[in-house]
Amino acid sequence: RTMVRYVLSQDVVPILATKADNSEGDNSINAAIARVAAEYELPLWNFWASTYPLPDHGLTADGFHLTFAGDYFDDLARMEMAWPWRNLTALQTIDAVYRALNSKP
């Protein structure tokens, strides 16, 4: 909340993001991030949702690091890895927020 308040004080709209792993075991970190986003009515990039359907949820054997592949979004084998999904969904989220903030009523 301190970070969110500071960023907002700088006239910046933060995009909060969940994480792919659940190293804490109860998803409490992602839940807390989502609560703060809702509390401040901020955009939330649910990165966890984009990696969950991937093999091993897009995580390497250590259960923490993302599986890697280059950003070739038309290559189905590469799209089984988390890294391209991270980059693609980040860009989609930024684009959606930009469009929402710059649309005329």
PDB file of N, CA and C in Angstrom:
ATOM      1  N   ARG A   1       0.820  -1.194   0.000  1.00  0.00           N
ATOM      2  CA  ARG A   1       0.000   0.000   0.000  1.00  0.00           C
ATOM      3  C   ARG A   1       0.866   1.260   0.000  1.00  0.00           C
ATOM      4  N   THR A   2       1.957   1.202   0.711  1.00  0.00           N
ATOM      5  CA  THR A   2       2.863   2.357   0.739  1.00  0.00           C
ATOM      6  C   THR A   2       3.379   2.655  -0.656  1.00  0.00           C
ATOM      7  N   MET A   3       3.792   1.628  -1.365  1.00  0.00           N
ATOM      8  CA  MET A   3       4.302   1.817  -2.732  1.00  0.00           C
ATOM      9  C   MET A   3       3.197   2.343  -3.650  1.00  0.00           C
ATOM     10  N   VAL A   4       2.018   1.790  -3.536  1.00  0.00           N
ATOM     11  CA  VAL A   4       0.895   2.223  -4.369  1.00  0.00           C
ATOM     12  C   VAL A   4       0.586   3.684  -4.102  1.00  0.00           C
ATOM     13  N   ARG A   5       0.512   4.057  -2.841  1.00  0.00           N
ATOM     14  CA  ARG A   5       0.238   5.463  -2.514  1.00  0.00           C
ATOM     15  C   ARG A   5       1.322   6.387  -3.075  1.00  0.00           C
ATOM     16  N   TYR A   6       2.584   5.974  -2.980  1.00  0.00           N
ATOM     17  CA  TYR A   6       3.659   6.801  -3.516  1.00  0.00           C
ATOM     18  C   TYR A   6       3.528   6.949  -5.034  1.00  0.00           C
ATOM     19  N   VAL A   7       3.326   5.867  -5.728  1.00  0.00           N
ATOM     20  CA  VAL A   7       3.215   5.932  -7.190  1.00  0.00           C
ATOM     21  C   VAL A   7       2.031   6.805  -7.595  1.00  0.00           C
ATOM     22  N   LEU A   8       0.911   6.635  -6.921  1.00  0.00           N
ATOM     23  CA  LEU A   8      -0.252   7.473  -7.228  1.00  0.00           C
ATOM     24  C   LEU A   8       0.036   8.949  -6.951  1.00  0.00           C
ATOM     25  N   SER A   9       0.826   9.229  -5.935  1.00  0.00           N
ATOM     26  CA  SER A   9       1.160  10.627  -5.624  1.00  0.00           C
ATOM     27  C   SER A   9       2.010  11.261  -6.720  1.00  0.00           C
ATOM     28  N   GLN A  10       2.622  10.435  -7.553  1.00  0.00           N
ATOM     29  CA  GLN A  10       3.443  10.921  -8.663  1.00  0.00           C
ATOM     30  C   GLN A  10       2.637  11.043  -9.959  1.00  0.00           C
ATOM     31  N   ASP A  11       1.316  10.931  -9.855  1.00  0.00           N
ATOM     32  CA  ASP A  11       0.398  10.980 -11.009  1.00  0.00           C
ATOM     33  C   ASP A  11       0.688   9.881 -12.021  1.00  0.00           C
ATOM     34  N   VAL A  12       0.985   8.713 -11.500  1.00  0.00           N
ATOM     35  CA  VAL A  12       1.240   7.537 -12.329  1.00  0.00           C
ATOM     36  C   VAL A  12       0.195   6.494 -11.975  1.00  0.00           C
ATOM     37  N   VAL A  13      -0.307   5.800 -12.975  1.00  0.00           N
ATOM     38  CA  VAL A  13      -1.239   4.705 -12.732  1.00  0.00           C
ATOM     39  C   VAL A  13      -0.444   3.403 -12.711  1.00  0.00           C
ATOM     40  N   PRO A  14      -0.301   2.799 -11.545  1.00  0.00           N
ATOM     41  CA  PRO A  14       0.426   1.525 -11.497  1.00  0.00           C
ATOM     42  C   PRO A  14      -0.457   0.384 -11.990  1.00  0.00           C
ATOM     43  N   ILE A  15       0.179  -0.598 -12.544  1.00  0.00           N
ATOM     44  CA  ILE A  15      -0.504  -1.840 -12.893  1.00  0.00           C
ATOM     45  C   ILE A  15       0.057  -2.896 -11.949  1.00  0.00           C
ATOM     46  N   LEU A  16      -0.774  -3.393 -11.068  1.00  0.00           N
ATOM     47  CA  LEU A  16      -0.331  -4.426 -10.143  1.00  0.00           C
ATOM     48  C   LEU A  16      -0.375  -5.766 -10.864  1.00  0.00           C
ATOM     49  N   ALA A  17       0.530  -6.654 -10.492  1.00  0.00           N
ATOM     50  CA  ALA A  17       0.647  -7.938 -11.185  1.00  0.00           C
ATOM     51  C   ALA A  17       0.783  -9.076 -10.189  1.00  0.00           C
ATOM     52  N   THR A  18       0.110 -10.171 -10.496  1.00  0.00           N
ATOM     53  CA  THR A  18       0.285 -11.378  -9.703  1.00  0.00           C
ATOM     54  C   THR A  18       1.530 -12.100 -10.191  1.00  0.00           C
ATOM     55  N   LYS A  19       1.922 -13.128  -9.452  1.00  0.00           N
ATOM     56  CA  LYS A  19       3.113 -13.899  -9.816  1.00  0.00           C
ATOM     57  C   LYS A  19       2.698 -15.309 -10.190  1.00  0.00           C
ATOM     58  N   ALA A  20       3.545 -15.984 -10.931  1.00  0.00           N
ATOM     59  CA  ALA A  20       3.206 -17.316 -11.433  1.00  0.00           C
ATOM     60  C   ALA A  20       3.329 -18.393 -10.368  1.00  0.00           C
ATOM     61  N   ASP A  21       4.269 -18.227  -9.460  1.00  0.00           N
ATOM     62  CA  ASP A  21       4.509 -19.294  -8.482  1.00  0.00           C
ATOM     63  C   ASP A  21       3.598 -19.151  -7.268  1.00  0.00           C
ATOM     64  N   ASN A  22       3.593 -20.194  -6.470  1.00  0.00           N
ATOM     65  CA  ASN A  22       2.887 -20.197  -5.201  1.00  0.00           C
ATOM     66  C   ASN A  22       3.847 -20.715  -4.135  1.00  0.00           C
ATOM     67  N   SER A  23       5.028 -20.117  -4.079  1.00  0.00           N
ATOM     68  CA  SER A  23       6.058 -20.608  -3.170  1.00  0.00           C
ATOM     69  C   SER A  23       5.643 -20.495  -1.705  1.00  0.00           C
ATOM     70  N   GLU A  24       4.726 -19.594  -1.400  1.00  0.00           N
ATOM     71  CA  GLU A  24       4.263 -19.462  -0.019  1.00  0.00           C
ATOM     72  C   GLU A  24       3.269 -20.560   0.357  1.00  0.00           C
ATOM     73  N   GLY A  25       2.714 -21.272  -0.644  1.00  0.00           N
ATOM     74  CA  GLY A  25       1.873 -22.430  -0.401  1.00  0.00           C
ATOM     75  C   GLY A  25       0.384 -22.187  -0.269  1.00  0.00           C
ATOM     76  N   ASP A  26      -0.028 -20.957  -0.095  1.00  0.00           N
ATOM     77  CA  ASP A  26      -1.464 -20.699   0.086  1.00  0.00           C
ATOM     78  C   ASP A  26      -1.982 -19.563  -0.804  1.00  0.00           C
ATOM     79  N   ASN A  27      -1.212 -19.186  -1.791  1.00  0.00           N
ATOM     80  CA  ASN A  27      -1.563 -18.106  -2.725  1.00  0.00           C
ATOM     81  C   ASN A  27      -1.834 -16.772  -2.031  1.00  0.00           C
ATOM     82  N   SER A  28      -1.314 -16.600  -0.826  1.00  0.00           N
ATOM     83  CA  SER A  28      -1.622 -15.389  -0.073  1.00  0.00           C
ATOM     84  C   SER A  28      -1.017 -14.129  -0.688  1.00  0.00           C
ATOM     85  N   ILE A  29       0.116 -14.260  -1.350  1.00  0.00           N
ATOM     86  CA  ILE A  29       0.733 -13.064  -1.946  1.00  0.00           C
ATOM     87  C   ILE A  29      -0.113 -12.563  -3.109  1.00  0.00           C
ATOM     88  N   ASN A  30      -0.513 -13.460  -4.003  1.00  0.00           N
ATOM     89  CA  ASN A  30      -1.378 -13.034  -5.108  1.00  0.00           C
ATOM     90  C   ASN A  30      -2.709 -12.501  -4.597  1.00  0.00           C
ATOM     91  N   ALA A  31      -3.247 -13.126  -3.553  1.00  0.00           N
ATOM     92  CA  ALA A  31      -4.509 -12.646  -2.975  1.00  0.00           C
ATOM     93  C   ALA A  31      -4.337 -11.233  -2.423  1.00  0.00           C
ATOM     94  N   ALA A  32      -3.219 -10.978  -1.768  1.00  0.00           N
ATOM     95  CA  ALA A  32      -2.964  -9.639  -1.219  1.00  0.00           C
ATOM     96  C   ALA A  32      -2.816  -8.612  -2.338  1.00  0.00           C
ATOM     97  N   ILE A  33      -2.122  -8.986  -3.395  1.00  0.00           N
ATOM     98  CA  ILE A  33      -1.965  -8.078  -4.541  1.00  0.00           C
ATOM     99  C   ILE A  33      -3.326  -7.749  -5.137  1.00  0.00           C
ATOM    100  N   ALA A  34      -4.166  -8.750  -5.301  1.00  0.00           N
ATOM    101  CA  ALA A  34      -5.505  -8.533  -5.863  1.00  0.00           C
ATOM    102  C   ALA A  34      -6.354  -7.650  -4.940  1.00  0.00           C
ATOM    103  N   ARG A  35      -6.234  -7.851  -3.623  1.00  0.00           N
ATOM    104  CA  ARG A  35      -6.992  -7.013  -2.677  1.00  0.00           C
ATOM    105  C   ARG A  35      -6.567  -5.548  -2.773  1.00  0.00           C
ATOM    106  N   VAL A  36      -5.271  -5.303  -2.873  1.00  0.00           N
ATOM    107  CA  VAL A  36      -4.790  -3.922  -2.971  1.00  0.00           C
ATOM    108  C   VAL A  36      -5.264  -3.295  -4.282  1.00  0.00           C
ATOM    109  N   ALA A  37      -5.205  -4.049  -5.366  1.00  0.00           N
ATOM    110  CA  ALA A  37      -5.693  -3.527  -6.651  1.00  0.00           C
ATOM    111  C   ALA A  37      -7.174  -3.158  -6.552  1.00  0.00           C
ATOM    112  N   ALA A  38      -7.960  -4.019  -5.940  1.00  0.00           N
ATOM    113  CA  ALA A  38      -9.388  -3.734  -5.790  1.00  0.00           C
ATOM    114  C   ALA A  38      -9.620  -2.542  -4.863  1.00  0.00           C
ATOM    115  N   GLU A  39      -8.879  -2.491  -3.772  1.00  0.00           N
ATOM    116  CA  GLU A  39      -9.031  -1.404  -2.793  1.00  0.00           C
ATOM    117  C   GLU A  39      -8.767  -0.040  -3.425  1.00  0.00           C
ATOM    118  N   TYR A  40      -7.760   0.044  -4.276  1.00  0.00           N
ATOM    119  CA  TYR A  40      -7.393   1.310  -4.904  1.00  0.00           C
ATOM    120  C   TYR A  40      -7.980   1.472  -6.307  1.00  0.00           C
ATOM    121  N   GLU A  41      -8.805   0.504  -6.723  1.00  0.00           N
ATOM    122  CA  GLU A  41      -9.419   0.506  -8.055  1.00  0.00           C
ATOM    123  C   GLU A  41      -8.364   0.660  -9.147  1.00  0.00           C
ATOM    124  N   LEU A  42      -7.337  -0.177  -9.045  1.00  0.00           N
ATOM    125  CA  LEU A  42      -6.225  -0.153  -9.992  1.00  0.00           C
ATOM    126  C   LEU A  42      -6.287  -1.352 -10.917  1.00  0.00           C
ATOM    127  N   PRO A  43      -5.672  -1.223 -12.087  1.00  0.00           N
ATOM    128  CA  PRO A  43      -5.619  -2.375 -12.988  1.00  0.00           C
ATOM    129  C   PRO A  43      -4.773  -3.494 -12.398  1.00  0.00           C
ATOM    130  N   LEU A  44      -5.209  -4.713 -12.643  1.00  0.00           N
ATOM    131  CA  LEU A  44      -4.495  -5.887 -12.168  1.00  0.00           C
ATOM    132  C   LEU A  44      -4.172  -6.775 -13.359  1.00  0.00           C
ATOM    133  N   TRP A  45      -2.911  -7.057 -13.533  1.00  0.00           N
ATOM    134  CA  TRP A  45      -2.449  -8.015 -14.543  1.00  0.00           C
ATOM    135  C   TRP A  45      -2.359  -9.353 -13.821  1.00  0.00           C
ATOM    136  N   ASN A  46      -3.305 -10.235 -14.117  1.00  0.00           N
ATOM    137  CA  ASN A  46      -3.322 -11.535 -13.462  1.00  0.00           C
ATOM    138  C   ASN A  46      -2.413 -12.489 -14.229  1.00  0.00           C
ATOM    139  N   PHE A  47      -1.128 -12.315 -14.019  1.00  0.00           N
ATOM    140  CA  PHE A  47      -0.143 -13.152 -14.704  1.00  0.00           C
ATOM    141  C   PHE A  47      -0.299 -14.616 -14.313  1.00  0.00           C
ATOM    142  N   TRP A  48      -0.649 -14.872 -13.065  1.00  0.00           N
ATOM    143  CA  TRP A  48      -0.875 -16.243 -12.607  1.00  0.00           C
ATOM    144  C   TRP A  48      -1.876 -16.949 -13.512  1.00  0.00           C
ATOM    145  N   ALA A  49      -2.948 -16.256 -13.885  1.00  0.00           N
ATOM    146  CA  ALA A  49      -3.981 -16.873 -14.728  1.00  0.00           C
ATOM    147  C   ALA A  49      -3.440 -17.262 -16.100  1.00  0.00           C
ATOM    148  N   SER A  50      -2.470 -16.528 -16.601  1.00  0.00           N
ATOM    149  CA  SER A  50      -1.935 -16.855 -17.926  1.00  0.00           C
ATOM    150  C   SER A  50      -0.960 -18.026 -17.884  1.00  0.00           C
ATOM    151  N   THR A  51      -0.358 -18.284 -16.747  1.00  0.00           N
ATOM    152  CA  THR A  51       0.586 -19.399 -16.658  1.00  0.00           C
ATOM    153  C   THR A  51      -0.048 -20.672 -16.115  1.00  0.00           C
ATOM    154  N   TYR A  52      -1.157 -20.559 -15.429  1.00  0.00           N
ATOM    155  CA  TYR A  52      -1.759 -21.726 -14.791  1.00  0.00           C
ATOM    156  C   TYR A  52      -2.041 -22.872 -15.763  1.00  0.00           C
ATOM    157  N   PRO A  53      -2.553 -22.606 -16.984  1.00  0.00           N
ATOM    158  CA  PRO A  53      -2.847 -23.716 -17.904  1.00  0.00           C
ATOM    159  C   PRO A  53      -1.606 -24.357 -18.541  1.00  0.00           C
ATOM    160  N   LEU A  54      -0.450 -23.749 -18.399  1.00  0.00           N
ATOM    161  CA  LEU A  54       0.763 -24.269 -19.027  1.00  0.00           C
ATOM    162  C   LEU A  54       1.269 -25.512 -18.295  1.00  0.00           C
ATOM    163  N   PRO A  55       2.054 -26.346 -18.987  1.00  0.00           N
ATOM    164  CA  PRO A  55       2.663 -27.477 -18.287  1.00  0.00           C
ATOM    165  C   PRO A  55       3.438 -26.995 -17.056  1.00  0.00           C
ATOM    166  N   ASP A  56       3.212 -27.629 -15.924  1.00  0.00           N
ATOM    167  CA  ASP A  56       3.839 -27.251 -14.647  1.00  0.00           C
ATOM    168  C   ASP A  56       3.602 -25.780 -14.319  1.00  0.00           C
ATOM    169  N   HIS A  57       2.481 -25.255 -14.805  1.00  0.00           N
ATOM    170  CA  HIS A  57       2.086 -23.856 -14.581  1.00  0.00           C
ATOM    171  C   HIS A  57       3.154 -22.874 -15.052  1.00  0.00           C
ATOM    172  N   GLY A  58       3.938 -23.304 -16.056  1.00  0.00           N
ATOM    173  CA  GLY A  58       4.948 -22.416 -16.625  1.00  0.00           C
ATOM    174  C   GLY A  58       6.181 -22.253 -15.772  1.00  0.00           C
ATOM    175  N   LEU A  59       6.381 -23.166 -14.821  1.00  0.00           N
ATOM    176  CA  LEU A  59       7.517 -23.045 -13.908  1.00  0.00           C
ATOM    177  C   LEU A  59       8.526 -24.161 -14.143  1.00  0.00           C
ATOM    178  N   THR A  60       9.789 -23.837 -13.909  1.00  0.00           N
ATOM    179  CA  THR A  60      10.843 -24.843 -14.015  1.00  0.00           C
ATOM    180  C   THR A  60      10.741 -25.796 -12.824  1.00  0.00           C
ATOM    181  N   ALA A  61      11.619 -26.778 -12.783  1.00  0.00           N
ATOM    182  CA  ALA A  61      11.575 -27.802 -11.739  1.00  0.00           C
ATOM    183  C   ALA A  61      11.683 -27.226 -10.326  1.00  0.00           C
ATOM    184  N   ASP A  62      12.277 -26.036 -10.185  1.00  0.00           N
ATOM    185  CA  ASP A  62      12.398 -25.452  -8.844  1.00  0.00           C
ATOM    186  C   ASP A  62      11.084 -24.846  -8.352  1.00  0.00           C
ATOM    187  N   GLY A  63      10.058 -24.806  -9.225  1.00  0.00           N
ATOM    188  CA  GLY A  63       8.756 -24.281  -8.835  1.00  0.00           C
ATOM    189  C   GLY A  63       8.711 -22.784  -8.661  1.00  0.00           C
ATOM    190  N   PHE A  64       9.744 -22.103  -9.131  1.00  0.00           N
ATOM    191  CA  PHE A  64       9.826 -20.661  -8.944  1.00  0.00           C
ATOM    192  C   PHE A  64      10.096 -19.908 -10.238  1.00  0.00           C
ATOM    193  N   HIS A  65      11.099 -20.350 -10.991  1.00  0.00           N
ATOM    194  CA  HIS A  65      11.490 -19.640 -12.208  1.00  0.00           C
ATOM    195  C   HIS A  65      10.590 -20.004 -13.378  1.00  0.00           C
ATOM    196  N   LEU A  66      10.407 -19.041 -14.275  1.00  0.00           N
ATOM    197  CA  LEU A  66       9.577 -19.252 -15.455  1.00  0.00           C
ATOM    198  C   LEU A  66      10.315 -20.094 -16.489  1.00  0.00           C
ATOM    199  N   THR A  67       9.553 -20.920 -17.190  1.00  0.00           N
ATOM    200  CA  THR A  67      10.131 -21.656 -18.316  1.00  0.00           C
ATOM    201  C   THR A  67      10.403 -20.658 -19.431  1.00  0.00           C
ATOM    202  N   PHE A  68      11.505 -20.867 -20.134  1.00  0.00           N
ATOM    203  CA  PHE A  68      11.954 -19.878 -21.106  1.00  0.00           C
ATOM    204  C   PHE A  68      11.786 -20.354 -22.542  1.00  0.00           C
ATOM    205  N   ALA A  69      11.373 -19.437 -23.366  1.00  0.00           N
ATOM    206  CA  ALA A  69      11.374 -19.584 -24.819  1.00  0.00           C
ATOM    207  C   ALA A  69      11.324 -18.179 -25.392  1.00  0.00           C
ATOM    208  N   GLY A  70      11.857 -18.034 -26.594  1.00  0.00           N
ATOM    209  CA  GLY A  70      11.815 -16.730 -27.253  1.00  0.00           C
ATOM    210  C   GLY A  70      10.401 -16.338 -27.623  1.00  0.00           C
ATOM    211  N   ASP A  71      10.234 -15.080 -27.950  1.00  0.00           N
ATOM    212  CA  ASP A  71       8.900 -14.531 -28.235  1.00  0.00           C
ATOM    213  C   ASP A  71       8.500 -14.719 -29.695  1.00  0.00           C
ATOM    214  N   TYR A  72       8.128 -15.936 -30.017  1.00  0.00           N
ATOM    215  CA  TYR A  72       7.561 -16.247 -31.326  1.00  0.00           C
ATOM    216  C   TYR A  72       6.160 -16.753 -31.053  1.00  0.00           C
ATOM    217  N   PHE A  73       5.217 -15.834 -31.069  1.00  0.00           N
ATOM    218  CA  PHE A  73       3.871 -16.140 -30.614  1.00  0.00           C
ATOM    219  C   PHE A  73       3.107 -17.066 -31.553  1.00  0.00           C
ATOM    220  N   ASP A  74       3.644 -17.318 -32.734  1.00  0.00           N
ATOM    221  CA  ASP A  74       3.000 -18.242 -33.668  1.00  0.00           C
ATOM    222  C   ASP A  74       3.624 -19.638 -33.620  1.00  0.00           C
ATOM    223  N   ASP A  75       4.504 -19.880 -32.672  1.00  0.00           N
ATOM    224  CA  ASP A  75       5.154 -21.175 -32.507  1.00  0.00           C
ATOM    225  C   ASP A  75       4.515 -21.871 -31.298  1.00  0.00           C
ATOM    226  N   LEU A  76       3.698 -22.881 -31.572  1.00  0.00           N
ATOM    227  CA  LEU A  76       2.941 -23.530 -30.502  1.00  0.00           C
ATOM    228  C   LEU A  76       3.835 -24.143 -29.432  1.00  0.00           C
ATOM    229  N   ALA A  77       4.981 -24.677 -29.822  1.00  0.00           N
ATOM    230  CA  ALA A  77       5.884 -25.274 -28.834  1.00  0.00           C
ATOM    231  C   ALA A  77       6.415 -24.206 -27.877  1.00  0.00           C
ATOM    232  N   ARG A  78       6.761 -23.057 -28.404  1.00  0.00           N
ATOM    233  CA  ARG A  78       7.261 -21.980 -27.546  1.00  0.00           C
ATOM    234  C   ARG A  78       6.156 -21.435 -26.646  1.00  0.00           C
ATOM    235  N   MET A  79       4.935 -21.484 -27.125  1.00  0.00           N
ATOM    236  CA  MET A  79       3.818 -20.970 -26.335  1.00  0.00           C
ATOM    237  C   MET A  79       3.414 -21.918 -25.208  1.00  0.00           C
ATOM    238  N   GLU A  80       4.122 -23.015 -25.074  1.00  0.00           N
ATOM    239  CA  GLU A  80       3.946 -23.898 -23.919  1.00  0.00           C
ATOM    240  C   GLU A  80       4.834 -23.428 -22.756  1.00  0.00           C
ATOM    241  N   MET A  81       5.624 -22.412 -22.988  1.00  0.00           N
ATOM    242  CA  MET A  81       6.530 -21.874 -21.979  1.00  0.00           C
ATOM    243  C   MET A  81       5.962 -20.566 -21.423  1.00  0.00           C
ATOM    244  N   ALA A  82       6.378 -20.203 -20.229  1.00  0.00           N
ATOM    245  CA  ALA A  82       5.816 -19.028 -19.559  1.00  0.00           C
ATOM    246  C   ALA A  82       6.364 -17.700 -20.069  1.00  0.00           C
ATOM    247  N   TRP A  83       7.624 -17.696 -20.486  1.00  0.00           N
ATOM    248  CA  TRP A  83       8.249 -16.422 -20.858  1.00  0.00           C
ATOM    249  C   TRP A  83       7.492 -15.683 -21.957  1.00  0.00           C
ATOM    250  N   PRO A  84       7.117 -16.344 -23.057  1.00  0.00           N
ATOM    251  CA  PRO A  84       6.356 -15.609 -24.071  1.00  0.00           C
ATOM    252  C   PRO A  84       5.002 -15.117 -23.547  1.00  0.00           C
ATOM    253  N   TRP A  85       4.376 -15.901 -22.682  1.00  0.00           N
ATOM    254  CA  TRP A  85       3.107 -15.472 -22.103  1.00  0.00           C
ATOM    255  C   TRP A  85       3.300 -14.256 -21.203  1.00  0.00           C
ATOM    256  N   ARG A  86       4.413 -14.210 -20.504  1.00  0.00           N
ATOM    257  CA  ARG A  86       4.709 -13.042 -19.673  1.00  0.00           C
ATOM    258  C   ARG A  86       4.780 -11.798 -20.544  1.00  0.00           C
ATOM    259  N   ASN A  87       5.551 -11.884 -21.614  1.00  0.00           N
ATOM    260  CA  ASN A  87       5.737 -10.720 -22.475  1.00  0.00           C
ATOM    261  C   ASN A  87       4.454 -10.349 -23.206  1.00  0.00           C
ATOM    262  N   LEU A  88       3.740 -11.331 -23.725  1.00  0.00           N
ATOM    263  CA  LEU A  88       2.512 -11.053 -24.465  1.00  0.00           C
ATOM    264  C   LEU A  88       1.446 -10.445 -23.559  1.00  0.00           C
ATOM    265  N   THR A  89       1.200 -11.064 -22.411  1.00  0.00           N
ATOM    266  CA  THR A  89       0.137 -10.547 -21.543  1.00  0.00           C
ATOM    267  C   THR A  89       0.520  -9.218 -20.897  1.00  0.00           C
ATOM    268  N   ALA A  90       1.797  -8.976 -20.678  1.00  0.00           N
ATOM    269  CA  ALA A  90       2.221  -7.661 -20.179  1.00  0.00           C
ATOM    270  C   ALA A  90       1.889  -6.578 -21.202  1.00  0.00           C
ATOM    271  N   LEU A  91       2.230  -6.831 -22.455  1.00  0.00           N
ATOM    272  CA  LEU A  91       1.917  -5.853 -23.505  1.00  0.00           C
ATOM    273  C   LEU A  91       0.415  -5.658 -23.671  1.00  0.00           C
ATOM    274  N   GLN A  92      -0.346  -6.739 -23.595  1.00  0.00           N
ATOM    275  CA  GLN A  92      -1.801  -6.632 -23.699  1.00  0.00           C
ATOM    276  C   GLN A  92      -2.374  -5.812 -22.554  1.00  0.00           C
ATOM    277  N   THR A  93      -1.842  -6.006 -21.363  1.00  0.00           N
ATOM    278  CA  THR A  93      -2.322  -5.268 -20.201  1.00  0.00           C
ATOM    279  C   THR A  93      -1.994  -3.790 -20.330  1.00  0.00           C
ATOM    280  N   ILE A  94      -0.770  -3.478 -20.714  1.00  0.00           N
ATOM    281  CA  ILE A  94      -0.382  -2.076 -20.901  1.00  0.00           C
ATOM    282  C   ILE A  94      -1.256  -1.428 -21.963  1.00  0.00           C
ATOM    283  N   ASP A  95      -1.505  -2.121 -23.058  1.00  0.00           N
ATOM    284  CA  ASP A  95      -2.347  -1.592 -24.130  1.00  0.00           C
ATOM    285  C   ASP A  95      -3.772  -1.341 -23.639  1.00  0.00           C
ATOM    286  N   ALA A  96      -4.329  -2.280 -22.894  1.00  0.00           N
ATOM    287  CA  ALA A  96      -5.697  -2.119 -22.394  1.00  0.00           C
ATOM    288  C   ALA A  96      -5.806  -0.925 -21.444  1.00  0.00           C
ATOM    289  N   VAL A  97      -4.828  -0.775 -20.562  1.00  0.00           N
ATOM    290  CA  VAL A  97      -4.851   0.350 -19.630  1.00  0.00           C
ATOM    291  C   VAL A  97      -4.671   1.667 -20.383  1.00  0.00           C
ATOM    292  N   TYR A  98      -3.745   1.696 -21.314  1.00  0.00           N
ATOM    293  CA  TYR A  98      -3.531   2.899 -22.115  1.00  0.00           C
ATOM    294  C   TYR A  98      -4.814   3.303 -22.844  1.00  0.00           C
ATOM    295  N   ARG A  99      -5.456   2.336 -23.476  1.00  0.00           N
ATOM    296  CA  ARG A  99      -6.691   2.637 -24.215  1.00  0.00           C
ATOM    297  C   ARG A  99      -7.795   3.119 -23.284  1.00  0.00           C
ATOM    298  N   ALA A 100      -7.916   2.507 -22.115  1.00  0.00           N
ATOM    299  CA  ALA A 100      -8.937   2.918 -21.166  1.00  0.00           C
ATOM    300  C   ALA A 100      -8.689   4.336 -20.658  1.00  0.00           C
ATOM    301  N   LEU A 101      -7.439   4.669 -20.399  1.00  0.00           N
ATOM    302  CA  LEU A 101      -7.120   6.010 -19.891  1.00  0.00           C
ATOM    303  C   LEU A 101      -7.208   7.089 -20.954  1.00  0.00           C
ATOM    304  N   ASN A 102      -7.101   6.697 -22.215  1.00  0.00           N
ATOM    305  CA  ASN A 102      -7.084   7.690 -23.300  1.00  0.00           C
ATOM    306  C   ASN A 102      -8.331   7.680 -24.159  1.00  0.00           C
ATOM    307  N   SER A 103      -9.336   6.925 -23.759  1.00  0.00           N
ATOM    308  CA  SER A 103     -10.579   6.914 -24.542  1.00  0.00           C
ATOM    309  C   SER A 103     -11.410   8.139 -24.193  1.00  0.00           C
ATOM    310  N   LYS A 104     -12.072   8.628 -25.179  1.00  0.00           N
ATOM    311  CA  LYS A 104     -12.926   9.788 -24.975  1.00  0.00           C
ATOM    312  C   LYS A 104     -14.326   9.304 -24.591  1.00  0.00           C
ATOM    313  N   PRO A 105     -14.918   9.950 -23.597  1.00  0.00           N
ATOM    314  CA  PRO A 105     -16.263   9.534 -23.153  1.00  0.00           C
ATOM    315  C   PRO A 105     -17.311   9.802 -24.200  1.00  0.00           C
TER     316      PRO A 105
END
